[in-house]
PDB file of N, CA and C in Angstrom:
ATOM      1  N   MET A   1     106.645 -42.969 -28.255  1.00  0.00           N
ATOM      2  CA  MET A   1     106.841 -41.549 -28.879  1.00  0.00           C
ATOM      3  C   MET A   1     105.848 -40.688 -27.540  1.00  0.00           C
ATOM      4  N   ARG A   2     106.225 -39.656 -26.977  1.00  0.00           N
ATOM      5  CA  ARG A   2     105.652 -38.703 -26.421  1.00  0.00           C
ATOM      6  C   ARG A   2     105.729 -37.401 -26.714  1.00  0.00           C
ATOM      7  N   VAL A   3     104.951 -37.013 -26.560  1.00  0.00           N
ATOM      8  CA  VAL A   3     104.826 -35.266 -27.321  1.00  0.00           C
ATOM      9  C   VAL A   3     104.162 -34.309 -26.097  1.00  0.00           C
ATOM     10  N   THR A   4     104.792 -33.659 -25.506  1.00  0.00           N
ATOM     11  CA  THR A   4     104.501 -32.840 -24.472  1.00  0.00           C
ATOM     12  C   THR A   4     103.864 -31.323 -24.682  1.00  0.00           C
ATOM     13  N   SER A   5     103.042 -30.410 -24.688  1.00  0.00           N
ATOM     14  CA  SER A   5     102.642 -29.645 -25.318  1.00  0.00           C
ATOM     15  C   SER A   5     101.478 -28.786 -24.049  1.00  0.00           C
ATOM     16  N   GLY A   6     101.220 -27.875 -24.422  1.00  0.00           N
ATOM     17  CA  GLY A   6      99.827 -27.293 -23.762  1.00  0.00           C
ATOM     18  C   GLY A   6      98.708 -27.574 -24.936  1.00  0.00           C
ATOM     19  N   THR A   7      97.466 -27.382 -23.580  1.00  0.00           N
ATOM     20  CA  THR A   7      96.076 -27.456 -24.456  1.00  0.00           C
ATOM     21  C   THR A   7      96.009 -26.449 -25.086  1.00  0.00           C
ATOM     22  N   THR A   8      96.448 -25.275 -25.198  1.00  0.00           N
ATOM     23  CA  THR A   8      96.319 -23.936 -26.312  1.00  0.00           C
ATOM     24  C   THR A   8      97.197 -24.176 -27.624  1.00  0.00           C
ATOM     25  N   SER A   9      98.170 -25.116 -27.659  1.00  0.00           N
ATOM     26  CA  SER A   9      98.653 -25.111 -28.751  1.00  0.00           C
ATOM     27  C   SER A   9      97.987 -26.346 -30.103  1.00  0.00           C
ATOM     28  N   ARG A  10      98.275 -26.410 -31.134  1.00  0.00           N
ATOM     29  CA  ARG A  10      98.192 -26.959 -32.257  1.00  0.00           C
ATOM     30  C   ARG A  10      97.948 -28.697 -31.483  1.00  0.00           C
ATOM     31  N   CYS A  11      99.121 -29.073 -30.969  1.00  0.00           N
ATOM     32  CA  CYS A  11      99.065 -30.569 -30.703  1.00  0.00           C
ATOM     33  C   CYS A  11      98.288 -30.636 -29.278  1.00  0.00           C
ATOM     34  N   SER A  12      97.155 -30.835 -29.552  1.00  0.00           N
ATOM     35  CA  SER A  12      96.305 -30.756 -28.198  1.00  0.00           C
ATOM     36  C   SER A  12      95.151 -32.314 -28.390  1.00  0.00           C
ATOM     37  N   PRO A  13      94.323 -32.394 -27.296  1.00  0.00           N
ATOM     38  CA  PRO A  13      93.526 -33.476 -27.474  1.00  0.00           C
ATOM     39  C   PRO A  13      92.760 -33.528 -29.109  1.00  0.00           C
ATOM     40  N   ARG A  14      92.353 -32.295 -30.013  1.00  0.00           N
ATOM     41  CA  ARG A  14      91.754 -32.127 -31.127  1.00  0.00           C
ATOM     42  C   ARG A  14      92.529 -32.742 -31.940  1.00  0.00           C
ATOM     43  N   SER A  15      94.116 -32.571 -32.081  1.00  0.00           N
ATOM     44  CA  SER A  15      94.612 -32.999 -33.167  1.00  0.00           C
ATOM     45  C   SER A  15      95.181 -34.616 -33.085  1.00  0.00           C
ATOM     46  N   CYS A  16      94.720 -35.450 -31.785  1.00  0.00           N
ATOM     47  CA  CYS A  16      94.741 -36.742 -31.951  1.00  0.00           C
ATOM     48  C   CYS A  16      94.152 -37.602 -33.131  1.00  0.00           C
ATOM     49  N   THR A  17      92.981 -36.717 -33.562  1.00  0.00           N
ATOM     50  CA  THR A  17      91.974 -37.193 -34.587  1.00  0.00           C
ATOM     51  C   THR A  17      92.985 -37.761 -35.693  1.00  0.00           C
ATOM     52  N   ALA A  18      94.382 -37.169 -35.757  1.00  0.00           N
ATOM     53  CA  ALA A  18      95.198 -37.380 -37.195  1.00  0.00           C
ATOM     54  C   ALA A  18      96.022 -38.546 -36.784  1.00  0.00           C
ATOM     55  N   LEU A  19      95.991 -39.149 -35.851  1.00  0.00           N
ATOM     56  CA  LEU A  19      96.940 -40.187 -35.452  1.00  0.00           C
ATOM     57  C   LEU A  19      96.202 -41.346 -35.742  1.00  0.00           C
ATOM     58  N   PRO A  20      94.977 -42.031 -35.896  1.00  0.00           N
ATOM     59  CA  PRO A  20      94.105 -43.204 -36.359  1.00  0.00           C
ATOM     60  C   PRO A  20      94.538 -43.250 -37.796  1.00  0.00           C
ATOM     61  N   ARG A  21      94.218 -41.868 -38.593  1.00  0.00           N
ATOM     62  CA  ARG A  21      94.138 -41.905 -39.644  1.00  0.00           C
ATOM     63  C   ARG A  21      95.593 -41.903 -40.499  1.00  0.00           C
ATOM     64  N   ALA A  22      96.507 -41.967 -39.578  1.00  0.00           N
ATOM     65  CA  ALA A  22      98.026 -42.529 -39.867  1.00  0.00           C
ATOM     66  C   ALA A  22      98.226 -43.241 -39.785  1.00  0.00           C
ATOM     67  N   GLY A  23      97.372 -44.433 -39.345  1.00  0.00           N
ATOM     68  CA  GLY A  23      97.572 -45.862 -39.068  1.00  0.00           C
ATOM     69  C   GLY A  23      98.338 -46.144 -37.834  1.00  0.00           C
ATOM     70  N   LEU A  24      98.664 -45.689 -36.799  1.00  0.00           N
ATOM     71  CA  LEU A  24      99.294 -45.791 -35.766  1.00  0.00           C
ATOM     72  C   LEU A  24      98.286 -46.431 -35.328  1.00  0.00           C
ATOM     73  N   ALA A  25      99.130 -47.404 -34.116  1.00  0.00           N
ATOM     74  CA  ALA A  25      98.307 -48.337 -33.289  1.00  0.00           C
ATOM     75  C   ALA A  25      97.697 -47.754 -32.331  1.00  0.00           C
ATOM     76  N   GLY A  26      97.845 -47.038 -31.625  1.00  0.00           N
ATOM     77  CA  GLY A  26      97.253 -46.109 -30.688  1.00  0.00           C
ATOM     78  C   GLY A  26      98.106 -45.164 -29.762  1.00  0.00           C
ATOM     79  N   SER A  27      97.053 -44.455 -29.003  1.00  0.00           N
ATOM     80  CA  SER A  27      97.511 -43.012 -28.396  1.00  0.00           C
ATOM     81  C   SER A  27      96.713 -42.839 -27.373  1.00  0.00           C
ATOM     82  N   THR A  28      97.251 -42.162 -26.206  1.00  0.00           N
ATOM     83  CA  THR A  28      96.292 -41.959 -25.040  1.00  0.00           C
ATOM     84  C   THR A  28      96.903 -40.350 -24.969  1.00  0.00           C
ATOM     85  N   VAL A  29      95.974 -39.585 -24.382  1.00  0.00           N
ATOM     86  CA  VAL A  29      96.204 -38.166 -24.059  1.00  0.00           C
ATOM     87  C   VAL A  29      96.002 -37.835 -22.710  1.00  0.00           C
ATOM     88  N   LEU A  30      97.065 -37.251 -22.360  1.00  0.00           N
ATOM     89  CA  LEU A  30      97.127 -37.207 -20.916  1.00  0.00           C
ATOM     90  C   LEU A  30      97.104 -35.482 -20.260  1.00  0.00           C
ATOM     91  N   ARG A  31      96.215 -35.602 -19.351  1.00  0.00           N
ATOM     92  CA  ARG A  31      96.038 -33.382 -18.873  1.00  0.00           C
ATOM     93  C   ARG A  31      96.937 -33.355 -17.700  1.00  0.00           C
ATOM     94  N   GLY A  32      97.732 -33.077 -17.830  1.00  0.00           N
ATOM     95  CA  GLY A  32      98.225 -32.323 -16.510  1.00  0.00           C
ATOM     96  C   GLY A  32      97.555 -31.427 -15.516  1.00  0.00           C
ATOM     97  N   ILE A  33      97.791 -31.247 -14.646  1.00  0.00           N
ATOM     98  CA  ILE A  33      97.538 -30.079 -13.495  1.00  0.00           C
ATOM     99  C   ILE A  33      98.066 -28.978 -13.496  1.00  0.00           C
ATOM    100  N   GLU A  34      99.725 -29.130 -13.312  1.00  0.00           N
ATOM    101  CA  GLU A  34     100.427 -28.268 -13.558  1.00  0.00           C
ATOM    102  C   GLU A  34     101.607 -28.570 -14.401  1.00  0.00           C
ATOM    103  N   GLY A  35     102.371 -27.444 -14.667  1.00  0.00           N
ATOM    104  CA  GLY A  35     103.486 -27.599 -15.474  1.00  0.00           C
ATOM    105  C   GLY A  35     104.459 -26.402 -15.910  1.00  0.00           C
ATOM    106  N   TYR A  36     105.614 -26.726 -16.429  1.00  0.00           N
ATOM    107  CA  TYR A  36     106.239 -25.324 -17.302  1.00  0.00           C
ATOM    108  C   TYR A  36     106.909 -25.846 -18.142  1.00  0.00           C
ATOM    109  N   GLY A  37     107.307 -25.112 -18.905  1.00  0.00           N
ATOM    110  CA  GLY A  37     108.215 -25.339 -19.995  1.00  0.00           C
ATOM    111  C   GLY A  37     109.454 -24.346 -20.514  1.00  0.00           C
ATOM    112  N   ALA A  38     109.560 -24.281 -21.519  1.00  0.00           N
ATOM    113  CA  ALA A  38     110.757 -23.487 -22.448  1.00  0.00           C
ATOM    114  C   ALA A  38     110.203 -21.980 -22.082  1.00  0.00           C
ATOM    115  N   SER A  39     109.184 -21.434 -21.921  1.00  0.00           N
ATOM    116  CA  SER A  39     108.860 -19.824 -21.069  1.00  0.00           C
ATOM    117  C   SER A  39     109.040 -20.024 -19.936  1.00  0.00           C
ATOM    118  N   ASN A  40     109.075 -21.042 -19.033  1.00  0.00           N
ATOM    119  CA  ASN A  40     109.711 -20.930 -17.664  1.00  0.00           C
ATOM    120  C   ASN A  40     108.318 -20.232 -16.860  1.00  0.00           C
ATOM    121  N   LEU A  41     107.298 -20.110 -17.825  1.00  0.00           N
ATOM    122  CA  LEU A  41     105.854 -19.688 -16.990  1.00  0.00           C
ATOM    123  C   LEU A  41     104.870 -21.281 -16.161  1.00  0.00           C
ATOM    124  N   ILE A  42     104.613 -21.017 -14.730  1.00  0.00           N
ATOM    125  CA  ILE A  42     103.969 -22.111 -14.057  1.00  0.00           C
ATOM    126  C   ILE A  42     102.811 -22.213 -15.025  1.00  0.00           C
ATOM    127  N   HIS A  43     102.014 -23.275 -15.417  1.00  0.00           N
ATOM    128  CA  HIS A  43     100.525 -23.137 -16.099  1.00  0.00           C
ATOM    129  C   HIS A  43     100.046 -24.405 -15.087  1.00  0.00           C
ATOM    130  N   THR A  44      99.033 -23.791 -14.425  1.00  0.00           N
ATOM    131  CA  THR A  44      98.177 -24.573 -13.314  1.00  0.00           C
ATOM    132  C   THR A  44      96.715 -24.527 -13.149  1.00  0.00           C
ATOM    133  N   ASN A  45      96.013 -25.446 -12.818  1.00  0.00           N
ATOM    134  CA  ASN A  45      94.562 -25.536 -12.714  1.00  0.00           C
ATOM    135  C   ASN A  45      94.058 -25.068 -11.483  1.00  0.00           C
ATOM    136  N   ARG A  46      94.820 -24.302 -10.568  1.00  0.00           N
ATOM    137  CA  ARG A  46      94.576 -23.915  -9.461  1.00  0.00           C
ATOM    138  C   ARG A  46      93.263 -22.913  -9.885  1.00  0.00           C
ATOM    139  N   LEU A  47      92.229 -22.849  -8.367  1.00  0.00           N
ATOM    140  CA  LEU A  47      91.354 -22.081  -8.216  1.00  0.00           C
ATOM    141  C   LEU A  47      91.461 -20.369  -8.895  1.00  0.00           C
ATOM    142  N   LEU A  48      92.735 -20.083  -8.437  1.00  0.00           N
ATOM    143  CA  LEU A  48      92.808 -18.772  -8.441  1.00  0.00           C
ATOM    144  C   LEU A  48      93.811 -18.367  -9.461  1.00  0.00           C
ATOM    145  N   SER A  49      94.099 -19.155 -10.280  1.00  0.00           N
ATOM    146  CA  SER A  49      94.953 -18.930 -11.555  1.00  0.00           C
ATOM    147  C   SER A  49      94.329 -18.990 -12.775  1.00  0.00           C
ATOM    148  N   LEU A  50      94.731 -17.961 -13.579  1.00  0.00           N
ATOM    149  CA  LEU A  50      94.167 -17.741 -14.835  1.00  0.00           C
ATOM    150  C   LEU A  50      94.716 -18.424 -15.948  1.00  0.00           C
ATOM    151  N   SER A  51      95.357 -19.347 -15.647  1.00  0.00           N
ATOM    152  CA  SER A  51      96.074 -20.269 -16.539  1.00  0.00           C
ATOM    153  C   SER A  51      94.994 -21.105 -17.574  1.00  0.00           C
ATOM    154  N   GLU A  52      95.160 -21.175 -18.956  1.00  0.00           N
ATOM    155  CA  GLU A  52      94.262 -21.782 -19.670  1.00  0.00           C
ATOM    156  C   GLU A  52      95.081 -22.572 -20.564  1.00  0.00           C
ATOM    157  N   ASP A  53      96.406 -22.815 -20.285  1.00  0.00           N
ATOM    158  CA  ASP A  53      97.080 -23.677 -20.661  1.00  0.00           C
ATOM    159  C   ASP A  53      97.762 -24.605 -20.431  1.00  0.00           C
ATOM    160  N   LEU A  54      97.171 -25.619 -19.620  1.00  0.00           N
ATOM    161  CA  LEU A  54      97.420 -26.824 -18.944  1.00  0.00           C
ATOM    162  C   LEU A  54      98.178 -27.815 -19.863  1.00  0.00           C
ATOM    163  N   PRO A  55      99.310 -28.706 -19.092  1.00  0.00           N
ATOM    164  CA  PRO A  55     100.502 -29.482 -19.679  1.00  0.00           C
ATOM    165  C   PRO A  55      99.299 -30.687 -20.467  1.00  0.00           C
ATOM    166  N   VAL A  56      99.595 -31.181 -21.653  1.00  0.00           N
ATOM    167  CA  VAL A  56      99.133 -32.395 -22.187  1.00  0.00           C
ATOM    168  C   VAL A  56     100.192 -33.203 -22.689  1.00  0.00           C
ATOM    169  N   VAL A  57     100.330 -34.279 -22.583  1.00  0.00           N
ATOM    170  CA  VAL A  57     101.058 -35.348 -22.897  1.00  0.00           C
ATOM    171  C   VAL A  57     100.473 -36.498 -23.953  1.00  0.00           C
ATOM    172  N   VAL A  58     100.590 -36.665 -25.060  1.00  0.00           N
ATOM    173  CA  VAL A  58     100.066 -37.580 -25.962  1.00  0.00           C
ATOM    174  C   VAL A  58     101.110 -38.827 -26.316  1.00  0.00           C
ATOM    175  N   VAL A  59     100.806 -39.794 -25.592  1.00  0.00           N
ATOM    176  CA  VAL A  59     101.488 -41.000 -25.998  1.00  0.00           C
ATOM    177  C   VAL A  59     101.137 -41.917 -27.176  1.00  0.00           C
ATOM    178  N   ILE A  60     102.285 -42.033 -27.765  1.00  0.00           N
ATOM    179  CA  ILE A  60     101.854 -43.113 -29.192  1.00  0.00           C
ATOM    180  C   ILE A  60     102.708 -44.163 -29.733  1.00  0.00           C
ATOM    181  N   VAL A  61     102.188 -45.184 -29.228  1.00  0.00           N
ATOM    182  CA  VAL A  61     102.880 -46.464 -29.613  1.00  0.00           C
ATOM    183  C   VAL A  61     102.481 -46.879 -30.494  1.00  0.00           C
ATOM    184  N   ASP A  62     103.779 -47.621 -31.228  1.00  0.00           N
ATOM    185  CA  ASP A  62     103.628 -48.223 -32.644  1.00  0.00           C
ATOM    186  C   ASP A  62     104.985 -48.667 -32.625  1.00  0.00           C
ATOM    187  N   THR A  63     105.449 -49.770 -33.866  1.00  0.00           N
ATOM    188  CA  THR A  63     106.790 -49.843 -34.250  1.00  0.00           C
ATOM    189  C   THR A  63     107.314 -48.934 -34.356  1.00  0.00           C
ATOM    190  N   HIS A  64     108.872 -49.013 -34.595  1.00  0.00           N
ATOM    191  CA  HIS A  64     109.816 -48.383 -34.590  1.00  0.00           C
ATOM    192  C   HIS A  64     109.867 -47.415 -36.364  1.00  0.00           C
ATOM    193  N   ASP A  65     109.423 -48.257 -37.068  1.00  0.00           N
ATOM    194  CA  ASP A  65     109.530 -47.987 -38.649  1.00  0.00           C
ATOM    195  C   ASP A  65     108.205 -46.810 -38.390  1.00  0.00           C
ATOM    196  N   ARG A  66     106.950 -47.569 -38.027  1.00  0.00           N
ATOM    197  CA  ARG A  66     105.770 -46.651 -37.950  1.00  0.00           C
ATOM    198  C   ARG A  66     105.920 -45.205 -37.637  1.00  0.00           C
ATOM    199  N   ILE A  67     106.569 -45.043 -36.120  1.00  0.00           N
ATOM    200  CA  ILE A  67     106.979 -44.019 -35.604  1.00  0.00           C
ATOM    201  C   ILE A  67     107.524 -42.946 -36.252  1.00  0.00           C
ATOM    202  N   ARG A  68     109.028 -43.668 -36.960  1.00  0.00           N
ATOM    203  CA  ARG A  68     109.553 -42.776 -37.560  1.00  0.00           C
ATOM    204  C   ARG A  68     108.960 -42.130 -38.562  1.00  0.00           C
ATOM    205  N   ALA A  69     108.335 -42.878 -39.872  1.00  0.00           N
ATOM    206  CA  ALA A  69     107.257 -42.925 -40.829  1.00  0.00           C
ATOM    207  C   ALA A  69     106.443 -41.711 -40.307  1.00  0.00           C
ATOM    208  N   PHE A  70     105.910 -41.574 -39.231  1.00  0.00           N
ATOM    209  CA  PHE A  70     105.047 -40.423 -38.876  1.00  0.00           C
ATOM    210  C   PHE A  70     105.526 -39.214 -38.536  1.00  0.00           C
ATOM    211  N   LEU A  71     106.776 -39.073 -38.032  1.00  0.00           N
ATOM    212  CA  LEU A  71     107.684 -37.777 -37.755  1.00  0.00           C
ATOM    213  C   LEU A  71     107.510 -36.647 -38.445  1.00  0.00           C
ATOM    214  N   PRO A  72     107.219 -36.551 -39.769  1.00  0.00           N
ATOM    215  CA  PRO A  72     107.100 -35.722 -40.585  1.00  0.00           C
ATOM    216  C   PRO A  72     105.925 -34.813 -40.452  1.00  0.00           C
ATOM    217  N   GLN A  73     105.124 -35.583 -40.115  1.00  0.00           N
ATOM    218  CA  GLN A  73     103.948 -34.910 -39.869  1.00  0.00           C
ATOM    219  C   GLN A  73     103.790 -34.451 -38.695  1.00  0.00           C
ATOM    220  N   LEU A  74     104.441 -34.509 -37.604  1.00  0.00           N
ATOM    221  CA  LEU A  74     104.747 -33.817 -36.447  1.00  0.00           C
ATOM    222  C   LEU A  74     105.100 -32.259 -36.591  1.00  0.00           C
ATOM    223  N   GLU A  75     105.518 -31.847 -38.102  1.00  0.00           N
ATOM    224  CA  GLU A  75     106.140 -30.447 -38.278  1.00  0.00           C
ATOM    225  C   GLU A  75     104.745 -29.552 -38.175  1.00  0.00           C
ATOM    226  N   ASP A  76     103.364 -30.189 -38.614  1.00  0.00           N
ATOM    227  CA  ASP A  76     102.427 -29.387 -38.542  1.00  0.00           C
ATOM    228  C   ASP A  76     101.399 -29.450 -37.315  1.00  0.00           C
ATOM    229  N   LEU A  77     101.522 -30.549 -36.451  1.00  0.00           N
ATOM    230  CA  LEU A  77     100.968 -30.915 -35.570  1.00  0.00           C
ATOM    231  C   LEU A  77     101.122 -30.312 -34.389  1.00  0.00           C
ATOM    232  N   VAL A  78     102.956 -30.255 -34.212  1.00  0.00           N
ATOM    233  CA  VAL A  78     103.560 -29.665 -32.810  1.00  0.00           C
ATOM    234  C   VAL A  78     103.970 -28.288 -33.263  1.00  0.00           C
ATOM    235  N   THR A  79     103.737 -27.199 -33.039  1.00  0.00           N
ATOM    236  CA  THR A  79     103.815 -25.872 -33.079  1.00  0.00           C
ATOM    237  C   THR A  79     104.887 -25.464 -31.961  1.00  0.00           C
ATOM    238  N   GLU A  80     104.522 -25.817 -30.636  1.00  0.00           N
ATOM    239  CA  GLU A  80     105.006 -25.668 -29.285  1.00  0.00           C
ATOM    240  C   GLU A  80     105.364 -26.830 -28.703  1.00  0.00           C
ATOM    241  N   GLY A  81     106.017 -27.040 -27.875  1.00  0.00           N
ATOM    242  CA  GLY A  81     106.390 -28.520 -27.339  1.00  0.00           C
ATOM    243  C   GLY A  81     107.584 -29.400 -27.560  1.00  0.00           C
ATOM    244  N   LEU A  82     107.466 -30.629 -26.995  1.00  0.00           N
ATOM    245  CA  LEU A  82     108.497 -31.260 -26.614  1.00  0.00           C
ATOM    246  C   LEU A  82     108.263 -32.557 -27.522  1.00  0.00           C
ATOM    247  N   VAL A  83     109.065 -33.666 -28.195  1.00  0.00           N
ATOM    248  CA  VAL A  83     108.914 -34.627 -28.764  1.00  0.00           C
ATOM    249  C   VAL A  83     110.106 -35.613 -28.548  1.00  0.00           C
ATOM    250  N   ILE A  84     109.594 -36.604 -27.563  1.00  0.00           N
ATOM    251  CA  ILE A  84     110.518 -37.487 -27.341  1.00  0.00           C
ATOM    252  C   ILE A  84     110.378 -38.921 -27.902  1.00  0.00           C
ATOM    253  N   LEU A  85     111.186 -39.189 -28.374  1.00  0.00           N
ATOM    254  CA  LEU A  85     111.188 -40.954 -28.777  1.00  0.00           C
ATOM    255  C   LEU A  85     111.819 -41.854 -27.676  1.00  0.00           C
ATOM    256  N   ASP A  86     111.096 -42.921 -27.295  1.00  0.00           N
ATOM    257  CA  ASP A  86     111.802 -43.769 -26.236  1.00  0.00           C
ATOM    258  C   ASP A  86     111.687 -45.267 -26.794  1.00  0.00           C
ATOM    259  N   ASP A  87     112.655 -46.186 -26.350  1.00  0.00           N
ATOM    260  CA  ASP A  87     112.087 -47.296 -26.997  1.00  0.00           C
ATOM    261  C   ASP A  87     111.603 -48.046 -25.919  1.00  0.00           C
ATOM    262  N   CYS A  88     110.398 -49.040 -26.237  1.00  0.00           N
ATOM    263  CA  CYS A  88     109.760 -49.391 -25.178  1.00  0.00           C
ATOM    264  C   CYS A  88     109.522 -51.193 -25.630  1.00  0.00           C
ATOM    265  N   GLU A  89     109.169 -52.008 -24.632  1.00  0.00           N
ATOM    266  CA  GLU A  89     108.782 -53.291 -24.976  1.00  0.00           C
ATOM    267  C   GLU A  89     107.278 -53.976 -24.619  1.00  0.00           C
ATOM    268  N   VAL A  90     106.404 -53.876 -25.641  1.00  0.00           N
ATOM    269  CA  VAL A  90     105.002 -54.285 -25.568  1.00  0.00           C
ATOM    270  C   VAL A  90     105.133 -55.298 -24.896  1.00  0.00           C
ATOM    271  N   ILE A  91     104.361 -55.516 -23.732  1.00  0.00           N
ATOM    272  CA  ILE A  91     104.115 -56.784 -23.179  1.00  0.00           C
ATOM    273  C   ILE A  91     102.824 -57.629 -23.395  1.00  0.00           C
ATOM    274  N   ARG A  92     102.017 -56.608 -23.296  1.00  0.00           N
ATOM    275  CA  ARG A  92     100.506 -56.965 -23.848  1.00  0.00           C
ATOM    276  C   ARG A  92      99.629 -55.928 -24.865  1.00  0.00           C
ATOM    277  N   TYR A  93      99.133 -56.244 -26.042  1.00  0.00           N
ATOM    278  CA  TYR A  93      98.595 -55.215 -26.847  1.00  0.00           C
ATOM    279  C   TYR A  93      96.968 -55.885 -26.698  1.00  0.00           C
ATOM    280  N   VAL A  94      95.900 -55.809 -26.268  1.00  0.00           N
ATOM    281  CA  VAL A  94      94.680 -56.440 -26.645  1.00  0.00           C
ATOM    282  C   VAL A  94      93.445 -55.229 -27.040  1.00  0.00           C
ATOM    283  N   GLY A  95      92.776 -55.259 -28.169  1.00  0.00           N
ATOM    284  CA  GLY A  95      92.202 -54.585 -28.280  1.00  0.00           C
ATOM    285  C   GLY A  95      90.845 -55.272 -28.707  1.00  0.00           C
ATOM    286  N   ARG A  96      89.608 -54.352 -28.620  1.00  0.00           N
ATOM    287  CA  ARG A  96      88.465 -54.670 -28.264  1.00  0.00           C
ATOM    288  C   ARG A  96      87.796 -55.507 -29.834  1.00  0.00           C
ATOM    289  N   ALA A  97      88.263 -54.917 -30.586  1.00  0.00           N
ATOM    290  CA  ALA A  97      88.058 -55.929 -31.905  1.00  0.00           C
ATOM    291  C   ALA A  97      88.713 -56.181 -32.692  1.00  0.00           C
ATOM    292  N   PRO A  98      89.248 -56.643 -33.963  1.00  0.00           N
ATOM    293  CA  PRO A  98      90.241 -57.017 -35.083  1.00  0.00           C
ATOM    294  C   PRO A  98      90.694 -55.968 -35.188  1.00  0.00           C
ATOM    295  N   ASP A  99      91.904 -56.040 -35.120  1.00  0.00           N
ATOM    296  CA  ASP A  99      92.748 -54.685 -35.403  1.00  0.00           C
ATOM    297  C   ASP A  99      94.295 -54.851 -36.181  1.00  0.00           C
ATOM    298  N   PRO A 100      94.367 -54.287 -37.075  1.00  0.00           N
ATOM    299  CA  PRO A 100      95.477 -54.906 -37.923  1.00  0.00           C
ATOM    300  C   PRO A 100      96.899 -54.186 -37.438  1.00  0.00           C
ATOM    301  N   ALA A 101      96.699 -53.266 -36.397  1.00  0.00           N
ATOM    302  CA  ALA A 101      98.080 -52.660 -35.937  1.00  0.00           C
ATOM    303  C   ALA A 101      98.454 -53.388 -34.732  1.00  0.00           C
ATOM    304  N   ALA A 102      97.143 -53.961 -33.779  1.00  0.00           N
ATOM    305  CA  ALA A 102      97.739 -54.990 -32.814  1.00  0.00           C
ATOM    306  C   ALA A 102      98.307 -56.256 -33.200  1.00  0.00           C
ATOM    307  N   ASP A 103      97.763 -56.526 -34.523  1.00  0.00           N
ATOM    308  CA  ASP A 103      98.796 -57.967 -34.993  1.00  0.00           C
ATOM    309  C   ASP A 103     100.196 -57.318 -35.271  1.00  0.00           C
ATOM    310  N   ARG A 104     100.287 -56.256 -36.090  1.00  0.00           N
ATOM    311  CA  ARG A 104     101.515 -55.495 -36.938  1.00  0.00           C
ATOM    312  C   ARG A 104     102.521 -55.314 -35.159  1.00  0.00           C
ATOM    313  N   LEU A 105     101.952 -54.807 -34.028  1.00  0.00           N
ATOM    314  CA  LEU A 105     102.647 -54.972 -32.781  1.00  0.00           C
ATOM    315  C   LEU A 105     103.122 -56.245 -32.127  1.00  0.00           C
ATOM    316  N   ALA A 106     102.351 -57.257 -31.966  1.00  0.00           N
ATOM    317  CA  ALA A 106     102.085 -58.593 -31.429  1.00  0.00           C
ATOM    318  C   ALA A 106     103.301 -59.310 -32.605  1.00  0.00           C
ATOM    319  N   GLY A 107     103.177 -59.076 -33.693  1.00  0.00           N
ATOM    320  CA  GLY A 107     104.297 -59.760 -34.718  1.00  0.00           C
ATOM    321  C   GLY A 107     105.875 -59.294 -34.467  1.00  0.00           C
ATOM    322  N   HIS A 108     105.788 -58.358 -34.288  1.00  0.00           N
ATOM    323  CA  HIS A 108     106.984 -57.490 -33.574  1.00  0.00           C
ATOM    324  C   HIS A 108     107.420 -57.768 -32.324  1.00  0.00           C
ATOM    325  N   GLU A 109     106.722 -57.830 -31.752  1.00  0.00           N
ATOM    326  CA  GLU A 109     107.369 -58.263 -30.341  1.00  0.00           C
ATOM    327  C   GLU A 109     107.425 -59.630 -30.127  1.00  0.00           C
ATOM    328  N   ARG A 110     107.043 -60.169 -31.226  1.00  0.00           N
ATOM    329  CA  ARG A 110     107.668 -61.901 -31.266  1.00  0.00           C
ATOM    330  C   ARG A 110     109.151 -61.764 -31.712  1.00  0.00           C
ATOM    331  N   LYS A 111     109.399 -60.894 -32.915  1.00  0.00           N
ATOM    332  CA  LYS A 111     110.141 -61.131 -33.547  1.00  0.00           C
ATOM    333  C   LYS A 111     111.490 -60.242 -32.937  1.00  0.00           C
ATOM    334  N   SER A 112     111.479 -59.503 -31.840  1.00  0.00           N
ATOM    335  CA  SER A 112     112.239 -58.557 -30.967  1.00  0.00           C
ATOM    336  C   SER A 112     113.046 -59.492 -29.954  1.00  0.00           C
ATOM    337  N   ARG A 113     112.268 -60.918 -29.979  1.00  0.00           N
ATOM    338  CA  ARG A 113     112.631 -61.391 -28.225  1.00  0.00           C
ATOM    339  C   ARG A 113     113.542 -62.579 -28.753  1.00  0.00           C
TER     340      ARG A 113
END
C-alpha cells in the first residue's frame, strides 16, 4: 500500500508510529523534493519557494489480509492525500532480529507460489 500526502497533513512521518502498533510488517517514508496533488499547487524545496508542504509517500508492506484490516484506521490518519493498493511479490524479507511479521510474510510468499 502507498499513501501519498504532504508533510503538513496528519499522514506524515510522525503518524508512522501507528504502523508497528497495528502489527504491520514494515513501512518506509519517502520525502519528495517536488510534487502537486488535487490542489494543483506545486510544492517544492527550491531555495526561493515558501512551500513547507513537501510531498511524502509512505510505503507499507504486509499480507493482503493485514493491509485490508488496517484500512479503517487510515480514516483517522489520512485527512488529505491518496491511498493506493498494489499487489506485490516479496522476493526477500530479512530482519535484524526475530520478527513474527517476517515469518508471516515468508509463509505467505511460499503459499503464493
